Amino acid sequence: MPYECYAQSPFGHDPTNPPFNVIDAEPPRPVRDDSIGPDEAGVRQQFRNISMPEAPPLQLTVTERFAEPPSDQARAAAEKRLLGRLSRLRLYYREFEPLPGIEYQYEDLEIEEPAGEEVRPSFDNVRDLERDVQRLTIWTLELVADRPYEDEPPHAVGVTLDPSINYWEVDGYKAHCTKAAWASVLATAGGVWLRVTRNGRTVGVTSDWAGGAGSATIGASTSTRATFDAAVRGRQNGSYYTISYGWVRGSGGGCA
């Protein structure tokens, strides 16, 4: 189990003095519809921040992606595994307006998009970037709210989660309707790498070991449409980590 060592979240809270207790969670359930791909098994859960009654609920869909469509037995085993992960998960989220002041430890990691950059599906090439991955689990985050209009002020969402992970596993995080995204990690047992990509292109890579001060915050933005992915990989088996992942909701990126 992870020992008690945490860093300040970029969303203005300290996970050791949890706002986790202001989150109401519905029981997770398997997903058996076309909202996930035929090569995936998934579970879904909704959360509500009772300290911010005006904030929409947050929906978390966790899927395990297979190399090819799984058998019914393999799908059921994956759903059981994912439900087990969610049963041990702590999650906190909040919505910001105006946008939070995120401090990037390395300013050059917040880059502008190259002209003509191709929009690629989320985690389309993750197995090329992360070699020898045996299990890819994708955590999709979405506010249960109408899409913002072009003339609306931007809203930001910040989420903090604390999963476990092994060396040969990758946890991938993405959010719907995204014009900018940022992420950082803190290892509380073992160690983890964090890679942030935009349209499949690496924005930055950072890492943290247990006992460290937490990783740098990596961020990127777009003026049009893009997919932003944050991939966490264990540096050894039995690692635990806290990820802070945030995004700016907009009517452009990721909403089509």
Foldseek 3Di string as FASTA:
>chain_A
DFDPDWADFLVGDTPVVPLLVQKDKDQKDWDDDVVDPQQKTKIKIWIDRNVCVVFFIKIKIKIKGDPDRDDPVVSVVVHVVVSVQVVPKGKDKDKDPPDGDGDFPDVQLADEDDPPQDAAPPCPPVCVVPPQAPIEMEIEMEGPDDADDQPDHKMKMKMKMKTWAAQNYKYKYWYAQFFKKKKWKEWRAAKKKKWKDKSPHTSDIWMYGRVDNTIGMGMYGYPAEITIMIMMHGPHGGIMMMMMMMGIHHCGYRHD
